């Protein structure tokens, strides 16, 4: 990937799109620090305005492909996301359970809380992975094709939930998707990856749902 100049600002709902093989996942991993660029710089704010560490929730591509024998129950799995806010050695407390309950209800999976993960459909597994990320109370939520395996109603409910997180809590959401026909009305901006004339991929355009920008857009 070359010629990438991206800024995603705090409190934006941004989609990253492009053909298969356009390095969309690579762009996310570079932004999160999971990969290092061969050249150039990637920077992300580490702390919030109140001085607390920036909380980042990440749902990778195909993360819901659990083995059918995965032993955890849904509520236990979502509760485990709250460990991101503290020590891995501490016990799950009342607040952790409340956050997990809220996240499962938001994603429409509370009634499935006592089922084993291996018993769920692919779309249901995807939804509990998103619930686990929400239970972290993230300031930045990064989702790589989060609607894989979901039906149309579940996809729209997810976009509405993410839009609400942005508008009501100021969460920054960055989402890889091919489905702009459904998601477009909820987005602030679209980052389009396109093939260069001489090969390779570049971050070519950024589009506002309310207009057009001359630059590609900021991580909080």
N, C-alpha and C. Protein backbone atom coordinates (compact mmCIF):
# COMPACT_ATOMS: atom_id res chain seq x y z
N UNK A 1 0.85 -1.19 0.00
CA UNK A 1 0.00 0.00 0.00
C UNK A 1 0.89 1.24 0.00
N UNK A 2 0.60 2.19 -0.88
CA UNK A 2 1.41 3.39 -1.02
C UNK A 2 0.51 4.63 -1.06
N UNK A 3 1.12 5.77 -0.81
CA UNK A 3 0.43 7.07 -0.93
C UNK A 3 -0.80 7.14 -0.02
N UNK A 4 -0.64 6.65 1.20
CA UNK A 4 -1.75 6.69 2.15
C UNK A 4 -1.58 7.89 3.06
N UNK A 5 -2.58 8.74 3.11
CA UNK A 5 -2.58 9.90 3.99
C UNK A 5 -3.95 9.96 4.64
N UNK A 6 -4.05 9.45 5.86
CA UNK A 6 -5.35 9.28 6.50
C UNK A 6 -5.39 9.96 7.85
N UNK A 7 -6.44 10.70 8.09
CA UNK A 7 -6.72 11.24 9.42
C UNK A 7 -8.16 10.90 9.76
N UNK A 8 -8.38 10.29 10.91
CA UNK A 8 -9.73 9.98 11.36
C UNK A 8 -9.95 10.69 12.68
N UNK A 9 -10.90 11.57 12.72
CA UNK A 9 -11.09 12.43 13.87
C UNK A 9 -11.99 11.81 14.92
N UNK A 10 -11.80 12.21 16.14
CA UNK A 10 -12.60 11.71 17.24
C UNK A 10 -14.08 11.96 17.01
N UNK A 11 -14.89 10.92 17.27
CA UNK A 11 -16.33 11.07 17.15
C UNK A 11 -16.86 10.92 15.74
N UNK A 12 -16.09 10.30 14.86
CA UNK A 12 -16.54 10.05 13.48
C UNK A 12 -16.93 8.59 13.30
N UNK A 13 -17.85 8.34 12.38
CA UNK A 13 -18.21 7.00 11.95
C UNK A 13 -17.70 6.88 10.52
N UNK A 14 -16.62 6.13 10.35
CA UNK A 14 -15.92 6.07 9.07
C UNK A 14 -15.93 4.64 8.54
N UNK A 15 -16.22 4.49 7.26
CA UNK A 15 -16.13 3.19 6.60
C UNK A 15 -14.90 3.16 5.71
N UNK A 16 -14.22 2.01 5.70
CA UNK A 16 -13.12 1.76 4.78
C UNK A 16 -13.60 0.71 3.80
N UNK A 17 -13.53 1.02 2.51
CA UNK A 17 -14.06 0.10 1.51
C UNK A 17 -13.10 0.00 0.34
N UNK A 18 -13.36 -0.99 -0.51
CA UNK A 18 -12.52 -1.23 -1.67
C UNK A 18 -12.63 -2.68 -2.08
N UNK A 19 -12.08 -3.05 -3.24
CA UNK A 19 -12.18 -4.43 -3.72
C UNK A 19 -11.45 -5.40 -2.81
N UNK A 20 -11.74 -6.70 -2.97
CA UNK A 20 -10.99 -7.72 -2.24
C UNK A 20 -9.51 -7.60 -2.59
N UNK A 21 -8.66 -7.72 -1.57
CA UNK A 21 -7.23 -7.60 -1.78
C UNK A 21 -6.72 -6.18 -1.79
N UNK A 22 -7.56 -5.23 -1.41
CA UNK A 22 -7.17 -3.82 -1.46
C UNK A 22 -6.44 -3.36 -0.20
N UNK A 23 -6.09 -4.29 0.68
CA UNK A 23 -5.32 -3.99 1.90
C UNK A 23 -6.13 -3.24 2.94
N UNK A 24 -7.43 -3.47 2.97
CA UNK A 24 -8.27 -2.80 3.97
C UNK A 24 -7.91 -3.26 5.38
N UNK A 25 -7.75 -4.56 5.56
CA UNK A 25 -7.38 -5.10 6.87
C UNK A 25 -5.99 -4.63 7.26
N UNK A 26 -5.09 -4.56 6.30
CA UNK A 26 -3.73 -4.06 6.57
C UNK A 26 -3.77 -2.63 7.07
N UNK A 27 -4.62 -1.81 6.46
CA UNK A 27 -4.74 -0.42 6.89
C UNK A 27 -5.20 -0.34 8.34
N UNK A 28 -6.17 -1.17 8.73
CA UNK A 28 -6.63 -1.19 10.12
C UNK A 28 -5.51 -1.60 11.07
N UNK A 29 -4.78 -2.64 10.71
CA UNK A 29 -3.71 -3.15 11.58
C UNK A 29 -2.58 -2.14 11.72
N UNK A 30 -2.30 -1.42 10.66
CA UNK A 30 -1.30 -0.36 10.75
C UNK A 30 -1.77 0.73 11.70
N UNK A 31 -3.04 1.11 11.59
CA UNK A 31 -3.57 2.16 12.46
C UNK A 31 -3.57 1.75 13.92
N UNK A 32 -3.77 0.46 14.18
CA UNK A 32 -3.83 -0.03 15.56
C UNK A 32 -2.45 -0.37 16.12
N UNK A 33 -1.43 -0.33 15.29
CA UNK A 33 -0.09 -0.67 15.76
C UNK A 33 0.20 -2.15 15.74
N UNK A 34 -0.67 -2.95 15.13
CA UNK A 34 -0.45 -4.39 15.05
C UNK A 34 0.55 -4.73 13.94
N UNK A 35 0.72 -3.81 13.00
CA UNK A 35 1.74 -3.91 11.97
C UNK A 35 2.51 -2.59 11.93
N UNK A 36 3.75 -2.65 11.50
CA UNK A 36 4.56 -1.45 11.37
C UNK A 36 4.81 -1.14 9.89
N UNK A 37 4.68 0.13 9.49
CA UNK A 37 4.90 0.48 8.08
C UNK A 37 6.37 0.40 7.70
N UNK A 38 6.64 0.08 6.43
CA UNK A 38 8.02 0.08 5.94
C UNK A 38 8.58 1.49 5.88
N UNK A 39 7.70 2.46 5.65
CA UNK A 39 8.11 3.86 5.63
C UNK A 39 6.94 4.71 6.06
N UNK A 40 7.23 5.95 6.44
CA UNK A 40 6.17 6.84 6.89
C UNK A 40 5.88 6.65 8.38
N UNK A 41 4.85 7.31 8.86
CA UNK A 41 4.53 7.27 10.29
C UNK A 41 3.04 7.00 10.51
N UNK A 42 2.77 6.31 11.60
CA UNK A 42 1.39 6.10 12.04
C UNK A 42 1.30 6.58 13.48
N UNK A 43 0.40 7.47 13.76
CA UNK A 43 0.28 8.00 15.12
C UNK A 43 -1.17 7.90 15.57
N UNK A 44 -1.34 7.63 16.85
CA UNK A 44 -2.67 7.56 17.44
C UNK A 44 -2.60 8.14 18.85
N UNK A 45 -3.57 8.96 19.19
CA UNK A 45 -3.62 9.53 20.53
C UNK A 45 -3.72 8.41 21.55
N UNK A 46 -2.93 8.46 22.60
CA UNK A 46 -2.90 7.38 23.59
C UNK A 46 -3.82 7.64 24.77
N UNK A 47 -4.14 8.90 25.02
CA UNK A 47 -4.96 9.24 26.18
C UNK A 47 -6.13 10.12 25.78
N UNK A 48 -7.17 10.05 26.55
CA UNK A 48 -8.34 10.90 26.35
C UNK A 48 -8.06 12.28 26.93
N UNK A 49 -8.99 13.18 26.74
CA UNK A 49 -8.81 14.54 27.25
C UNK A 49 -8.73 14.57 28.77
N UNK A 50 -9.37 13.59 29.45
CA UNK A 50 -9.34 13.55 30.91
C UNK A 50 -8.09 12.86 31.45
N UNK A 51 -7.17 12.47 30.56
CA UNK A 51 -5.91 11.86 30.98
C UNK A 51 -5.94 10.34 31.07
N UNK A 52 -7.13 9.74 30.99
CA UNK A 52 -7.23 8.28 31.06
C UNK A 52 -6.78 7.66 29.74
N UNK A 53 -6.29 6.43 29.84
CA UNK A 53 -5.81 5.73 28.65
C UNK A 53 -6.95 5.51 27.67
N UNK A 54 -6.68 5.71 26.39
CA UNK A 54 -7.68 5.51 25.36
C UNK A 54 -8.03 4.03 25.28
N UNK A 55 -9.31 3.71 25.38
CA UNK A 55 -9.78 2.33 25.29
C UNK A 55 -10.11 2.00 23.85
N UNK A 56 -9.53 0.91 23.35
CA UNK A 56 -9.71 0.52 21.96
C UNK A 56 -10.37 -0.86 21.90
N UNK A 57 -11.48 -0.95 21.19
CA UNK A 57 -12.14 -2.23 20.93
C UNK A 57 -11.89 -2.63 19.49
N UNK A 58 -11.50 -3.90 19.28
CA UNK A 58 -11.17 -4.36 17.93
C UNK A 58 -11.85 -5.70 17.67
N UNK A 59 -12.62 -5.77 16.59
CA UNK A 59 -13.24 -7.02 16.16
C UNK A 59 -12.62 -7.39 14.81
N UNK A 60 -11.68 -8.36 14.79
CA UNK A 60 -11.02 -8.72 13.54
C UNK A 60 -11.95 -9.43 12.58
N UNK A 61 -11.48 -9.58 11.36
CA UNK A 61 -12.23 -10.31 10.34
C UNK A 61 -12.28 -11.79 10.71
N UNK A 62 -13.44 -12.41 10.54
CA UNK A 62 -13.65 -13.83 10.79
C UNK A 62 -13.34 -14.24 12.23
N UNK A 63 -13.41 -13.30 13.18
CA UNK A 63 -13.14 -13.63 14.57
C UNK A 63 -14.19 -14.58 15.13
N UNK A 64 -15.36 -14.65 14.50
CA UNK A 64 -16.45 -15.48 15.00
C UNK A 64 -16.34 -16.95 14.58
N UNK A 65 -15.27 -17.32 13.90
CA UNK A 65 -15.12 -18.70 13.43
C UNK A 65 -14.63 -19.60 14.57
N UNK A 66 -15.42 -19.67 15.65
CA UNK A 66 -15.06 -20.49 16.79
C UNK A 66 -15.17 -21.97 16.46
N UNK A 67 -14.33 -22.77 17.09
CA UNK A 67 -14.49 -24.21 17.05
C UNK A 67 -15.83 -24.57 17.69
N UNK A 68 -16.53 -25.55 17.16
CA UNK A 68 -17.85 -25.92 17.68
C UNK A 68 -17.80 -26.39 19.12
N UNK A 69 -16.61 -26.80 19.58
CA UNK A 69 -16.46 -27.27 20.96
C UNK A 69 -15.99 -26.20 21.92
N UNK A 70 -15.97 -24.93 21.48
CA UNK A 70 -15.53 -23.84 22.36
C UNK A 70 -16.36 -23.86 23.65
N UNK A 71 -15.74 -24.00 24.83
CA UNK A 71 -16.48 -24.30 26.05
C UNK A 71 -17.20 -23.13 26.71
N UNK A 72 -16.85 -21.91 26.40
CA UNK A 72 -17.40 -20.75 27.11
C UNK A 72 -18.86 -20.52 26.77
N UNK A 73 -19.61 -20.00 27.75
CA UNK A 73 -20.96 -19.54 27.50
C UNK A 73 -20.92 -18.08 27.05
N UNK A 74 -21.98 -17.64 26.44
CA UNK A 74 -22.04 -16.31 25.84
C UNK A 74 -21.73 -15.22 26.87
N UNK A 75 -22.40 -15.23 28.02
CA UNK A 75 -22.20 -14.19 29.02
C UNK A 75 -20.76 -14.18 29.53
N UNK A 76 -20.18 -15.35 29.75
CA UNK A 76 -18.78 -15.43 30.20
C UNK A 76 -17.85 -14.81 29.17
N UNK A 77 -18.10 -15.11 27.92
CA UNK A 77 -17.26 -14.61 26.84
C UNK A 77 -17.31 -13.09 26.75
N UNK A 78 -18.51 -12.52 26.83
CA UNK A 78 -18.65 -11.07 26.74
C UNK A 78 -18.06 -10.40 27.97
N UNK A 79 -18.25 -11.01 29.14
CA UNK A 79 -17.65 -10.47 30.38
C UNK A 79 -16.13 -10.40 30.27
N UNK A 80 -15.53 -11.35 29.55
CA UNK A 80 -14.07 -11.37 29.45
C UNK A 80 -13.53 -10.12 28.77
N UNK A 81 -14.37 -9.45 27.98
CA UNK A 81 -13.94 -8.21 27.35
C UNK A 81 -13.65 -7.10 28.34
N UNK A 82 -14.28 -7.17 29.52
CA UNK A 82 -14.07 -6.12 30.52
C UNK A 82 -12.69 -6.19 31.15
N UNK A 83 -11.98 -7.30 30.96
CA UNK A 83 -10.61 -7.39 31.49
C UNK A 83 -9.69 -6.37 30.84
N UNK A 84 -10.08 -5.91 29.65
CA UNK A 84 -9.26 -4.91 28.97
C UNK A 84 -9.17 -3.62 29.78
N UNK A 85 -10.09 -3.42 30.73
CA UNK A 85 -10.11 -2.20 31.54
C UNK A 85 -9.33 -2.33 32.83
N UNK A 86 -8.73 -3.50 33.08
CA UNK A 86 -8.00 -3.68 34.33
C UNK A 86 -7.13 -4.91 34.29
N UNK A 87 -6.81 -5.44 35.46
CA UNK A 87 -5.91 -6.59 35.56
C UNK A 87 -6.61 -7.88 35.12
N UNK A 88 -5.86 -8.75 34.45
CA UNK A 88 -6.38 -10.05 34.07
C UNK A 88 -6.56 -10.96 35.28
N UNK A 89 -5.96 -10.60 36.41
CA UNK A 89 -6.01 -11.46 37.59
C UNK A 89 -7.21 -11.16 38.48
N UNK A 90 -7.90 -10.06 38.24
CA UNK A 90 -9.02 -9.71 39.10
C UNK A 90 -10.25 -10.55 38.76
N UNK A 91 -11.18 -10.60 39.70
CA UNK A 91 -12.44 -11.30 39.47
C UNK A 91 -13.43 -10.39 38.76
N UNK A 92 -14.34 -11.00 38.02
CA UNK A 92 -15.40 -10.24 37.38
C UNK A 92 -16.32 -9.69 38.46
N UNK A 93 -16.58 -8.39 38.40
CA UNK A 93 -17.40 -7.76 39.43
C UNK A 93 -18.77 -7.35 38.88
N UNK A 94 -19.52 -6.68 39.72
CA UNK A 94 -20.89 -6.32 39.35
C UNK A 94 -20.92 -5.40 38.14
N UNK A 95 -20.00 -4.42 38.08
CA UNK A 95 -19.98 -3.51 36.95
C UNK A 95 -19.67 -4.25 35.65
N UNK A 96 -18.74 -5.21 35.73
CA UNK A 96 -18.41 -6.00 34.54
C UNK A 96 -19.65 -6.70 34.00
N UNK A 97 -20.41 -7.30 34.90
CA UNK A 97 -21.62 -8.02 34.48
C UNK A 97 -22.67 -7.06 33.92
N UNK A 98 -22.76 -5.88 34.52
CA UNK A 98 -23.71 -4.89 34.02
C UNK A 98 -23.33 -4.42 32.61
N UNK A 99 -22.03 -4.23 32.37
CA UNK A 99 -21.57 -3.83 31.04
C UNK A 99 -21.82 -4.93 30.02
N UNK A 100 -21.59 -6.18 30.42
CA UNK A 100 -21.83 -7.31 29.53
C UNK A 100 -23.31 -7.44 29.22
N UNK A 101 -24.15 -7.27 30.23
CA UNK A 101 -25.59 -7.35 30.03
C UNK A 101 -26.06 -6.25 29.08
N UNK A 102 -25.59 -5.04 29.30
CA UNK A 102 -25.98 -3.92 28.43
C UNK A 102 -25.56 -4.18 26.99
N UNK A 103 -24.32 -4.67 26.80
CA UNK A 103 -23.81 -4.92 25.45
C UNK A 103 -24.62 -6.01 24.75
N UNK A 104 -24.95 -7.08 25.48
CA UNK A 104 -25.73 -8.17 24.88
C UNK A 104 -27.14 -7.72 24.52
N UNK A 105 -27.72 -6.88 25.35
CA UNK A 105 -29.06 -6.35 25.04
C UNK A 105 -29.00 -5.42 23.84
N UNK A 106 -27.95 -4.61 23.76
CA UNK A 106 -27.81 -3.69 22.63
C UNK A 106 -27.70 -4.45 21.30
N UNK A 107 -27.04 -5.60 21.36
CA UNK A 107 -26.78 -6.36 20.14
C UNK A 107 -27.85 -7.42 19.90
N UNK A 108 -28.85 -7.48 20.80
CA UNK A 108 -29.97 -8.40 20.63
C UNK A 108 -29.65 -9.85 20.95
N UNK A 109 -28.70 -10.07 21.90
CA UNK A 109 -28.29 -11.44 22.21
C UNK A 109 -28.44 -11.79 23.68
N UNK A 110 -29.15 -10.99 24.45
CA UNK A 110 -29.29 -11.24 25.89
C UNK A 110 -29.99 -12.56 26.16
N UNK A 111 -30.98 -12.91 25.36
CA UNK A 111 -31.72 -14.16 25.57
C UNK A 111 -30.85 -15.39 25.34
N UNK A 112 -29.72 -15.20 24.68
CA UNK A 112 -28.82 -16.32 24.39
C UNK A 112 -27.65 -16.40 25.38
N UNK A 113 -27.72 -15.64 26.46
CA UNK A 113 -26.56 -15.47 27.35
C UNK A 113 -26.04 -16.75 27.97
N UNK A 114 -26.90 -17.75 28.17
CA UNK A 114 -26.49 -19.00 28.83
C UNK A 114 -26.18 -20.12 27.86
N UNK A 115 -26.22 -19.83 26.56
CA UNK A 115 -25.87 -20.84 25.57
C UNK A 115 -24.36 -20.92 25.37
N UNK A 116 -23.87 -22.09 25.00
CA UNK A 116 -22.46 -22.22 24.67
C UNK A 116 -22.21 -21.62 23.29
N UNK A 117 -21.06 -21.01 23.15
CA UNK A 117 -20.75 -20.31 21.90
C UNK A 117 -20.79 -21.26 20.70
N UNK A 118 -20.34 -22.49 20.90
CA UNK A 118 -20.32 -23.45 19.81
C UNK A 118 -21.69 -23.80 19.28
N UNK A 119 -22.75 -23.47 20.02
CA UNK A 119 -24.12 -23.78 19.60
C UNK A 119 -24.73 -22.68 18.73
N UNK A 120 -24.04 -21.54 18.62
CA UNK A 120 -24.59 -20.38 17.92
C UNK A 120 -24.33 -20.45 16.42
N UNK A 121 -25.15 -19.73 15.67
CA UNK A 121 -24.92 -19.59 14.22
C UNK A 121 -23.76 -18.62 13.99
N UNK A 122 -23.29 -18.56 12.76
CA UNK A 122 -22.18 -17.66 12.45
C UNK A 122 -22.52 -16.20 12.73
N UNK A 123 -23.74 -15.79 12.35
CA UNK A 123 -24.14 -14.41 12.60
C UNK A 123 -24.26 -14.10 14.07
N UNK A 124 -24.74 -15.05 14.87
CA UNK A 124 -24.85 -14.86 16.32
C UNK A 124 -23.47 -14.75 16.96
N UNK A 125 -22.53 -15.56 16.49
CA UNK A 125 -21.16 -15.49 17.00
C UNK A 125 -20.56 -14.12 16.70
N UNK A 126 -20.82 -13.63 15.51
CA UNK A 126 -20.31 -12.31 15.15
C UNK A 126 -20.86 -11.24 16.07
N UNK A 127 -22.14 -11.34 16.40
CA UNK A 127 -22.77 -10.35 17.26
C UNK A 127 -22.21 -10.37 18.68
N UNK A 128 -21.90 -11.55 19.21
CA UNK A 128 -21.36 -11.57 20.58
C UNK A 128 -19.91 -11.08 20.61
N UNK A 129 -19.21 -11.22 19.49
CA UNK A 129 -17.86 -10.65 19.41
C UNK A 129 -17.93 -9.12 19.45
N UNK A 130 -18.93 -8.57 18.79
CA UNK A 130 -19.14 -7.12 18.83
C UNK A 130 -19.56 -6.70 20.24
N UNK A 131 -20.43 -7.49 20.88
CA UNK A 131 -20.85 -7.20 22.25
C UNK A 131 -19.65 -7.19 23.20
N UNK A 132 -18.74 -8.12 23.01
CA UNK A 132 -17.53 -8.18 23.85
C UNK A 132 -16.70 -6.90 23.70
N UNK A 133 -16.60 -6.41 22.47
CA UNK A 133 -15.87 -5.15 22.25
C UNK A 133 -16.60 -3.98 22.88
N UNK A 134 -17.93 -3.95 22.80
CA UNK A 134 -18.70 -2.87 23.40
C UNK A 134 -18.60 -2.87 24.91
N UNK A 135 -18.47 -4.06 25.52
CA UNK A 135 -18.36 -4.17 26.98
C UNK A 135 -17.08 -3.53 27.50
N UNK A 136 -16.12 -3.29 26.62
CA UNK A 136 -14.88 -2.63 27.01
C UNK A 136 -15.06 -1.12 27.16
N UNK A 137 -16.23 -0.62 26.83
CA UNK A 137 -16.50 0.82 26.80
C UNK A 137 -15.43 1.55 25.98
N UNK A 138 -15.29 1.18 24.71
CA UNK A 138 -14.19 1.73 23.91
C UNK A 138 -14.41 3.19 23.53
N UNK A 139 -13.31 3.90 23.44
CA UNK A 139 -13.32 5.25 22.86
C UNK A 139 -13.15 5.16 21.35
N UNK A 140 -12.44 4.12 20.92
CA UNK A 140 -12.22 3.84 19.50
C UNK A 140 -12.64 2.40 19.26
N UNK A 141 -13.56 2.20 18.33
CA UNK A 141 -14.05 0.87 17.99
C UNK A 141 -13.73 0.59 16.53
N UNK A 142 -12.93 -0.47 16.31
CA UNK A 142 -12.47 -0.83 14.97
C UNK A 142 -13.06 -2.19 14.61
N UNK A 143 -13.77 -2.24 13.48
CA UNK A 143 -14.51 -3.44 13.09
C UNK A 143 -14.15 -3.83 11.66
N UNK A 144 -13.71 -5.07 11.47
CA UNK A 144 -13.32 -5.54 10.15
C UNK A 144 -14.43 -6.45 9.59
N UNK A 145 -15.24 -5.91 8.71
CA UNK A 145 -16.39 -6.61 8.12
C UNK A 145 -17.26 -7.25 9.20
N UNK A 146 -17.81 -6.44 10.11
CA UNK A 146 -18.53 -6.96 11.27
C UNK A 146 -19.87 -7.63 10.97
N UNK A 147 -20.43 -7.41 9.77
CA UNK A 147 -21.76 -7.94 9.48
C UNK A 147 -21.72 -9.30 8.78
N UNK A 148 -20.54 -9.90 8.71
CA UNK A 148 -20.41 -11.22 8.08
C UNK A 148 -21.34 -12.22 8.77
N UNK A 149 -22.18 -12.88 8.01
CA UNK A 149 -23.09 -13.89 8.55
C UNK A 149 -24.38 -13.35 9.12
N UNK A 150 -24.56 -12.03 9.13
CA UNK A 150 -25.78 -11.44 9.69
C UNK A 150 -26.85 -11.30 8.62
N UNK A 151 -28.12 -11.40 9.06
CA UNK A 151 -29.21 -11.13 8.14
C UNK A 151 -29.41 -9.62 8.02
N UNK A 152 -30.30 -9.21 7.10
CA UNK A 152 -30.47 -7.79 6.80
C UNK A 152 -30.92 -7.00 8.02
N UNK A 153 -31.85 -7.55 8.79
CA UNK A 153 -32.34 -6.84 9.97
C UNK A 153 -31.24 -6.63 11.00
N UNK A 154 -30.41 -7.66 11.21
CA UNK A 154 -29.31 -7.55 12.17
C UNK A 154 -28.28 -6.53 11.72
N UNK A 155 -28.04 -6.47 10.42
CA UNK A 155 -27.08 -5.50 9.90
C UNK A 155 -27.54 -4.07 10.16
N UNK A 156 -28.80 -3.81 9.85
CA UNK A 156 -29.34 -2.46 10.06
C UNK A 156 -29.33 -2.10 11.54
N UNK A 157 -29.68 -3.05 12.41
CA UNK A 157 -29.66 -2.80 13.86
C UNK A 157 -28.25 -2.47 14.33
N UNK A 158 -27.25 -3.15 13.75
CA UNK A 158 -25.87 -2.86 14.12
C UNK A 158 -25.47 -1.45 13.69
N UNK A 159 -25.80 -1.06 12.47
CA UNK A 159 -25.45 0.28 12.00
C UNK A 159 -26.12 1.35 12.86
N UNK A 160 -27.35 1.10 13.24
CA UNK A 160 -28.05 2.05 14.11
C UNK A 160 -27.38 2.14 15.48
N UNK A 161 -26.94 1.00 16.01
CA UNK A 161 -26.26 0.99 17.30
C UNK A 161 -24.94 1.74 17.23
N UNK A 162 -24.15 1.48 16.20
CA UNK A 162 -22.87 2.16 16.05
C UNK A 162 -23.06 3.66 15.86
N UNK A 163 -24.06 4.03 15.09
CA UNK A 163 -24.37 5.45 14.88
C UNK A 163 -24.74 6.11 16.20
N UNK A 164 -25.47 5.39 17.05
CA UNK A 164 -25.84 5.91 18.37
C UNK A 164 -24.62 6.07 19.26
N UNK A 165 -23.69 5.10 19.21
CA UNK A 165 -22.45 5.20 20.00
C UNK A 165 -21.65 6.44 19.63
N UNK A 166 -21.63 6.75 18.35
CA UNK A 166 -20.91 7.94 17.87
C UNK A 166 -21.59 9.21 18.34
N UNK A 167 -22.90 9.29 18.16
CA UNK A 167 -23.63 10.52 18.45
C UNK A 167 -23.84 10.78 19.94
N UNK A 168 -24.08 9.72 20.72
CA UNK A 168 -24.41 9.90 22.13
C UNK A 168 -23.20 9.79 23.05
N UNK A 169 -22.19 9.00 22.67
CA UNK A 169 -21.04 8.80 23.55
C UNK A 169 -19.74 9.33 22.96
N UNK A 170 -19.78 9.77 21.71
CA UNK A 170 -18.57 10.31 21.10
C UNK A 170 -17.55 9.27 20.72
N UNK A 171 -17.99 8.01 20.60
CA UNK A 171 -17.08 6.93 20.20
C UNK A 171 -16.67 7.14 18.75
N UNK A 172 -15.41 6.87 18.45
CA UNK A 172 -14.93 6.86 17.08
C UNK A 172 -15.06 5.45 16.53
N UNK A 173 -15.75 5.29 15.41
CA UNK A 173 -15.97 3.97 14.82
C UNK A 173 -15.33 3.92 13.44
N UNK A 174 -14.48 2.93 13.22
CA UNK A 174 -13.87 2.69 11.91
C UNK A 174 -14.25 1.28 11.50
N UNK A 175 -14.90 1.14 10.36
CA UNK A 175 -15.47 -0.14 9.96
C UNK A 175 -15.15 -0.46 8.51
N UNK A 176 -14.57 -1.64 8.29
CA UNK A 176 -14.39 -2.13 6.93
C UNK A 176 -15.70 -2.76 6.48
N UNK A 177 -16.18 -2.37 5.31
CA UNK A 177 -17.42 -2.93 4.80
C UNK A 177 -17.47 -2.84 3.29
N UNK A 178 -18.21 -3.76 2.68
CA UNK A 178 -18.52 -3.68 1.25
C UNK A 178 -19.94 -3.17 1.05
N UNK A 179 -20.70 -3.09 2.14
CA UNK A 179 -22.14 -2.86 2.04
C UNK A 179 -22.50 -1.41 2.28
N UNK A 180 -22.10 -0.54 1.36
CA UNK A 180 -22.39 0.88 1.52
C UNK A 180 -23.85 1.21 1.24
N UNK A 181 -24.55 0.34 0.53
CA UNK A 181 -25.95 0.60 0.22
C UNK A 181 -26.79 0.65 1.49
N UNK A 182 -26.45 -0.18 2.49
CA UNK A 182 -27.17 -0.19 3.75
C UNK A 182 -26.54 0.74 4.78
N UNK A 183 -25.22 0.78 4.82
CA UNK A 183 -24.51 1.52 5.87
C UNK A 183 -24.36 3.00 5.56
N UNK A 184 -24.45 3.37 4.29
CA UNK A 184 -24.08 4.72 3.86
C UNK A 184 -24.76 5.85 4.61
N UNK A 185 -26.04 5.71 4.91
CA UNK A 185 -26.78 6.80 5.54
C UNK A 185 -26.36 7.03 6.99
N UNK A 186 -25.64 6.08 7.59
CA UNK A 186 -25.21 6.23 8.98
C UNK A 186 -23.79 6.78 9.10
N UNK A 187 -23.08 6.86 8.00
CA UNK A 187 -21.65 7.19 8.02
C UNK A 187 -21.39 8.69 7.94
N UNK A 188 -20.25 9.09 8.52
CA UNK A 188 -19.76 10.46 8.34
C UNK A 188 -18.85 10.54 7.13
N UNK A 189 -18.05 9.47 6.94
CA UNK A 189 -17.10 9.50 5.82
C UNK A 189 -16.83 8.09 5.31
N UNK A 190 -16.39 8.02 4.07
CA UNK A 190 -16.00 6.77 3.43
C UNK A 190 -14.59 6.92 2.89
N UNK A 191 -13.72 6.01 3.27
CA UNK A 191 -12.36 5.97 2.73
C UNK A 191 -12.30 4.85 1.70
N UNK A 192 -12.00 5.21 0.47
CA UNK A 192 -12.01 4.26 -0.65
C UNK A 192 -10.58 3.90 -1.03
N UNK A 193 -10.26 2.60 -1.02
CA UNK A 193 -8.96 2.13 -1.49
C UNK A 193 -9.09 1.70 -2.95
N UNK A 194 -8.20 2.22 -3.79
CA UNK A 194 -8.26 1.93 -5.21
C UNK A 194 -6.89 1.56 -5.74
N UNK A 195 -6.88 0.79 -6.81
CA UNK A 195 -5.61 0.36 -7.41
C UNK A 195 -4.95 1.52 -8.16
N UNK A 196 -3.64 1.65 -7.96
CA UNK A 196 -2.89 2.66 -8.70
C UNK A 196 -2.72 2.22 -10.15
N UNK A 197 -2.50 3.16 -11.03
CA UNK A 197 -2.32 2.84 -12.45
C UNK A 197 -1.11 1.96 -12.68
N UNK A 198 -0.07 2.09 -11.84
CA UNK A 198 1.15 1.32 -12.02
C UNK A 198 1.22 0.15 -11.06
N UNK A 199 0.08 -0.23 -10.45
CA UNK A 199 0.06 -1.37 -9.54
C UNK A 199 0.07 -0.93 -8.09
N UNK A 200 -0.30 -1.85 -7.21
CA UNK A 200 -0.38 -1.53 -5.79
C UNK A 200 -1.68 -0.82 -5.47
N UNK A 201 -1.83 -0.51 -4.18
CA UNK A 201 -3.08 0.11 -3.73
C UNK A 201 -2.78 1.43 -3.05
N UNK A 202 -3.70 2.34 -3.16
CA UNK A 202 -3.53 3.63 -2.52
C UNK A 202 -4.84 4.07 -1.89
N UNK A 203 -4.72 4.93 -0.89
CA UNK A 203 -5.90 5.51 -0.25
C UNK A 203 -6.30 6.70 -1.12
N UNK A 204 -7.28 6.46 -1.96
CA UNK A 204 -7.51 7.40 -3.06
C UNK A 204 -8.48 8.53 -2.72
N UNK A 205 -9.61 8.19 -2.10
CA UNK A 205 -10.63 9.22 -1.91
C UNK A 205 -11.22 9.15 -0.52
N UNK A 206 -11.74 10.26 -0.08
CA UNK A 206 -12.55 10.27 1.13
C UNK A 206 -13.81 11.04 0.83
N UNK A 207 -14.93 10.47 1.15
CA UNK A 207 -16.20 11.07 0.80
C UNK A 207 -17.03 11.29 2.05
N UNK A 208 -17.59 12.46 2.16
CA UNK A 208 -18.52 12.74 3.24
C UNK A 208 -19.93 12.45 2.76
N UNK A 209 -20.74 11.89 3.65
CA UNK A 209 -22.13 11.67 3.28
C UNK A 209 -22.88 13.00 3.16
N UNK A 210 -22.22 14.08 3.55
CA UNK A 210 -22.85 15.41 3.48
C UNK A 210 -22.08 16.34 2.54
N UNK A 211 -21.10 15.79 1.85
CA UNK A 211 -20.31 16.63 0.96
C UNK A 211 -19.04 15.91 0.56
N UNK A 212 -17.97 16.65 0.26
CA UNK A 212 -16.73 16.04 -0.16
C UNK A 212 -15.55 16.70 0.57
N UNK A 213 -14.52 15.88 0.84
CA UNK A 213 -13.32 16.38 1.50
C UNK A 213 -12.17 16.30 0.50
N UNK A 214 -11.17 17.14 0.69
CA UNK A 214 -10.00 17.09 -0.18
C UNK A 214 -8.94 16.17 0.39
N UNK A 215 -9.06 15.79 1.65
CA UNK A 215 -8.10 14.88 2.28
C UNK A 215 -8.84 13.66 2.79
N UNK A 216 -8.07 12.60 3.06
CA UNK A 216 -8.65 11.41 3.66
C UNK A 216 -8.59 11.56 5.17
N UNK A 217 -9.55 11.28 5.78
CA UNK A 217 -9.70 11.57 7.16
C UNK A 217 -9.24 11.39 8.47
N UNK A 218 -9.12 10.67 10.86
CA UNK A 218 -8.23 10.82 12.04
C UNK A 218 -8.52 9.85 13.14
N UNK A 219 -7.58 9.20 13.71
CA UNK A 219 -7.81 8.38 14.90
C UNK A 219 -7.82 9.29 16.11
N UNK A 220 -8.71 9.05 17.07
CA UNK A 220 -8.88 10.01 18.18
C UNK A 220 -7.60 10.21 18.95
